Structure formats: structure tokens, C-alpha cells
């Protein structure tokens, strides 16, 4: 794995975007005249597929390395969502209890 800043025009960039592995060549000029890109150009690498990468982002040496990184990311995301679900279920139980207690108090 390396950082975007190490790429030069003509290099192949293997990167992860929106939970997908993408591959494209670094180009000198963007294909869409910069309409959807940040105004700054220093630290940005334009790609032949219309995407761009920003310095500091990760690029991978192989599809296998990118796949491993994506699997790790998705496993971490899954763990986070499972933890959030447990917390939400606990909050639902507490809120129902509070409602029942308040409704019971109002009936008295």
C-alpha cells in the first residue's frame, strides 16, 4: 500500500471507493474540465475513469491487497453496526419502560 502522493501521470491506481475496488490510470487533465472536482489541484490526482484521489488516501499495489483491505473495512463496519444495534435495542427497552411507567402513573 502507498499514498496517492506517490503516483505520477500514467501510473495505475488501485483504490477503494464506496466499498468497491476500482482501477484507473493517473492522467494529467481531468476528463470533465473539473466541474465536479475540488478547485485545488495540488494534492489531487485525476484519473482516466473520471474519478480523482486526494493526497493521503490509500492506493494499493495489487487487487489482492485492496480486497484484503476492503474485507477488513467491511468487517469493522459490520461490528460497529452490530454494536449500534445492541445499544439501540437497549434504548428501545428503556424507552418502552419509561412510557409504560408514565402511562401507568397517568391512569392513577
C-alpha atoms as a PDB file:
ATOM      1  CA  UNK A   1       0.000   0.000   0.000  1.00  0.00           C
ATOM      2  CA  UNK A   2       1.140   3.536  -0.710  1.00  0.00           C
ATOM      3  CA  UNK A   3      -0.298   7.018  -0.585  1.00  0.00           C
ATOM      4  CA  UNK A   4      -1.779   8.928  -3.507  1.00  0.00           C
ATOM      5  CA  UNK A   5       1.041  11.470  -3.437  1.00  0.00           C
ATOM      6  CA  UNK A   6       3.445   8.822  -4.737  1.00  0.00           C
ATOM      7  CA  UNK A   7       1.530   8.417  -8.022  1.00  0.00           C
ATOM      8  CA  UNK A   8       2.661  10.004 -11.278  1.00  0.00           C
ATOM      9  CA  UNK A   9       0.874  10.515 -14.587  1.00  0.00           C
ATOM     10  CA  UNK A  10       0.497   7.145 -16.295  1.00  0.00           C
ATOM     11  CA  UNK A  11       0.649   5.110 -13.072  1.00  0.00           C
ATOM     12  CA  UNK A  12      -2.146   2.667 -12.334  1.00  0.00           C
ATOM     13  CA  UNK A  13      -4.154   3.453  -9.221  1.00  0.00           C
ATOM     14  CA  UNK A  14      -5.917   0.614  -7.412  1.00  0.00           C
ATOM     15  CA  UNK A  15      -8.183   2.175  -4.797  1.00  0.00           C
ATOM     16  CA  UNK A  16     -11.343   1.674  -2.761  1.00  0.00           C
ATOM     17  CA  UNK A  17     -14.321   3.966  -3.279  1.00  0.00           C
ATOM     18  CA  UNK A  18     -17.827   3.428  -1.930  1.00  0.00           C
ATOM     19  CA  UNK A  19     -16.972  -0.142  -0.857  1.00  0.00           C
ATOM     20  CA  UNK A  20     -15.837  -1.017  -4.381  1.00  0.00           C
ATOM     21  CA  UNK A  21     -12.359  -1.695  -5.710  1.00  0.00           C
ATOM     22  CA  UNK A  22     -11.539   0.483  -8.696  1.00  0.00           C
ATOM     23  CA  UNK A  23      -8.603   0.583 -11.088  1.00  0.00           C
ATOM     24  CA  UNK A  24      -7.659   3.519 -13.304  1.00  0.00           C
ATOM     25  CA  UNK A  25      -4.658   5.375 -14.736  1.00  0.00           C
ATOM     26  CA  UNK A  26      -3.497   8.740 -13.450  1.00  0.00           C
ATOM     27  CA  UNK A  27      -3.978  11.420 -16.122  1.00  0.00           C
ATOM     28  CA  UNK A  28      -2.663  14.952 -16.448  1.00  0.00           C
ATOM     29  CA  UNK A  29      -6.024  16.639 -17.129  1.00  0.00           C
ATOM     30  CA  UNK A  30      -9.462  15.632 -15.842  1.00  0.00           C
ATOM     31  CA  UNK A  31     -11.934  14.424 -18.449  1.00  0.00           C
ATOM     32  CA  UNK A  32     -14.783  16.654 -17.263  1.00  0.00           C
ATOM     33  CA  UNK A  33     -12.966  20.021 -17.090  1.00  0.00           C
ATOM     34  CA  UNK A  34     -13.097  19.992 -13.283  1.00  0.00           C
ATOM     35  CA  UNK A  35     -16.847  20.571 -12.969  1.00  0.00           C
ATOM     36  CA  UNK A  36     -17.247  18.058 -10.126  1.00  0.00           C
ATOM     37  CA  UNK A  37     -13.748  18.308  -8.674  1.00  0.00           C
ATOM     38  CA  UNK A  38     -12.403  20.462  -5.862  1.00  0.00           C
ATOM     39  CA  UNK A  39     -10.915  23.708  -7.167  1.00  0.00           C
ATOM     40  CA  UNK A  40      -7.464  22.967  -5.748  1.00  0.00           C
ATOM     41  CA  UNK A  41      -5.104  20.993  -7.957  1.00  0.00           C
ATOM     42  CA  UNK A  42      -2.122  20.498  -5.672  1.00  0.00           C
ATOM     43  CA  UNK A  43      -2.628  17.196  -3.881  1.00  0.00           C
ATOM     44  CA  UNK A  44      -5.251  15.910  -6.320  1.00  0.00           C
ATOM     45  CA  UNK A  45      -4.656  13.089  -8.799  1.00  0.00           C
ATOM     46  CA  UNK A  46      -7.110  12.942 -11.693  1.00  0.00           C
ATOM     47  CA  UNK A  47      -7.942   9.523 -13.115  1.00  0.00           C
ATOM     48  CA  UNK A  48      -8.864   8.326 -16.596  1.00  0.00           C
ATOM     49  CA  UNK A  49     -12.226   6.998 -15.370  1.00  0.00           C
ATOM     50  CA  UNK A  50     -13.329  10.470 -14.226  1.00  0.00           C
ATOM     51  CA  UNK A  51     -12.602   9.927 -10.526  1.00  0.00           C
ATOM     52  CA  UNK A  52      -9.950  11.777  -8.559  1.00  0.00           C
ATOM     53  CA  UNK A  53      -7.913  10.939  -5.480  1.00  0.00           C
ATOM     54  CA  UNK A  54      -6.626  13.278  -2.781  1.00  0.00           C
ATOM     55  CA  UNK A  55      -3.179  13.093  -1.171  1.00  0.00           C
ATOM     56  CA  UNK A  56      -3.264  10.982   1.955  1.00  0.00           C
ATOM     57  CA  UNK A  57      -5.699   8.430   0.533  1.00  0.00           C
ATOM     58  CA  UNK A  58      -4.511   4.858   0.153  1.00  0.00           C
ATOM     59  CA  UNK A  59      -3.731   3.170  -3.139  1.00  0.00           C
ATOM     60  CA  UNK A  60      -2.837  -0.492  -3.343  1.00  0.00           C
ATOM     61  CA  UNK A  61      -0.122  -2.444  -5.104  1.00  0.00           C
ATOM     62  CA  UNK A  62      -2.454  -5.259  -6.155  1.00  0.00           C
ATOM     63  CA  UNK A  63      -6.100  -6.230  -6.365  1.00  0.00           C
ATOM     64  CA  UNK A  64      -5.481  -8.837  -3.650  1.00  0.00           C
ATOM     65  CA  UNK A  65      -4.132  -6.195  -1.270  1.00  0.00           C
ATOM     66  CA  UNK A  66      -7.121  -3.950  -1.985  1.00  0.00           C
ATOM     67  CA  UNK A  67      -9.504  -6.894  -1.469  1.00  0.00           C
ATOM     68  CA  UNK A  68      -7.948  -7.680   1.902  1.00  0.00           C
ATOM     69  CA  UNK A  69      -8.214  -4.025   2.956  1.00  0.00           C
ATOM     70  CA  UNK A  70     -11.861  -3.858   1.830  1.00  0.00           C
ATOM     71  CA  UNK A  71     -12.716  -7.066   3.697  1.00  0.00           C
ATOM     72  CA  UNK A  72     -11.098  -5.647   6.862  1.00  0.00           C
ATOM     73  CA  UNK A  73     -13.044  -2.402   6.464  1.00  0.00           C
ATOM     74  CA  UNK A  74     -16.360  -4.187   5.933  1.00  0.00           C
ATOM     75  CA  UNK A  75     -15.759  -6.462   8.942  1.00  0.00           C
ATOM     76  CA  UNK A  76     -15.104  -3.372  11.108  1.00  0.00           C
ATOM     77  CA  UNK A  77     -18.231  -1.687   9.726  1.00  0.00           C
ATOM     78  CA  UNK A  78     -20.297  -4.797  10.481  1.00  0.00           C
ATOM     79  CA  UNK A  79     -19.012  -4.930  14.072  1.00  0.00           C
ATOM     80  CA  UNK A  80     -19.814  -1.233  14.504  1.00  0.00           C
ATOM     81  CA  UNK A  81     -23.358  -1.681  13.173  1.00  0.00           C
ATOM     82  CA  UNK A  82     -23.923  -4.728  15.395  1.00  0.00           C
ATOM     83  CA  UNK A  83     -22.757  -2.725  18.423  1.00  0.00           C
ATOM     84  CA  UNK A  84     -25.038   0.166  17.461  1.00  0.00           C
ATOM     85  CA  UNK A  85     -27.947  -2.279  17.098  1.00  0.00           C
ATOM     86  CA  UNK A  86     -27.371  -3.649  20.611  1.00  0.00           C
ATOM     87  CA  UNK A  87     -27.318  -0.121  22.025  1.00  0.00           C
ATOM     88  CA  UNK A  88     -30.469   0.827  20.069  1.00  0.00           C
ATOM     89  CA  UNK A  89     -32.309  -2.282  21.288  1.00  0.00           C
ATOM     90  CA  UNK A  90     -31.419  -1.366  24.871  1.00  0.00           C
ATOM     91  CA  UNK A  91     -32.646   2.191  24.355  1.00  0.00           C
ATOM     92  CA  UNK A  92     -35.924   0.877  22.911  1.00  0.00           C
ATOM     93  CA  UNK A  93     -36.481  -1.293  26.000  1.00  0.00           C
ATOM     94  CA  UNK A  94     -35.704   1.616  28.339  1.00  0.00           C
ATOM     95  CA  UNK A  95     -37.982   3.994  26.448  1.00  0.00           C
ATOM     96  CA  UNK A  96     -40.853   1.499  26.458  1.00  0.00           C
ATOM     97  CA  UNK A  97     -40.378   1.010  30.193  1.00  0.00           C
ATOM     98  CA  UNK A  98     -40.481   4.775  30.762  1.00  0.00           C
ATOM     99  CA  UNK A  99     -43.627   5.094  28.640  1.00  0.00           C
ATOM    100  CA  UNK A 100     -45.352   2.254  30.496  1.00  0.00           C
ATOM    101  CA  UNK A 101     -44.391   3.806  33.816  1.00  0.00           C
ATOM    102  CA  UNK A 102     -45.660   7.227  32.768  1.00  0.00           C
ATOM    103  CA  UNK A 103     -48.853   5.820  31.279  1.00  0.00           C
ATOM    104  CA  UNK A 104     -49.481   3.832  34.460  1.00  0.00           C
ATOM    105  CA  UNK A 105     -48.892   6.931  36.579  1.00  0.00           C
ATOM    106  CA  UNK A 106     -51.323   8.951  34.448  1.00  0.00           C
ATOM    107  CA  UNK A 107     -54.035   6.284  34.864  1.00  0.00           C
ATOM    108  CA  UNK A 108     -53.938   6.582  38.658  1.00  0.00           C
END
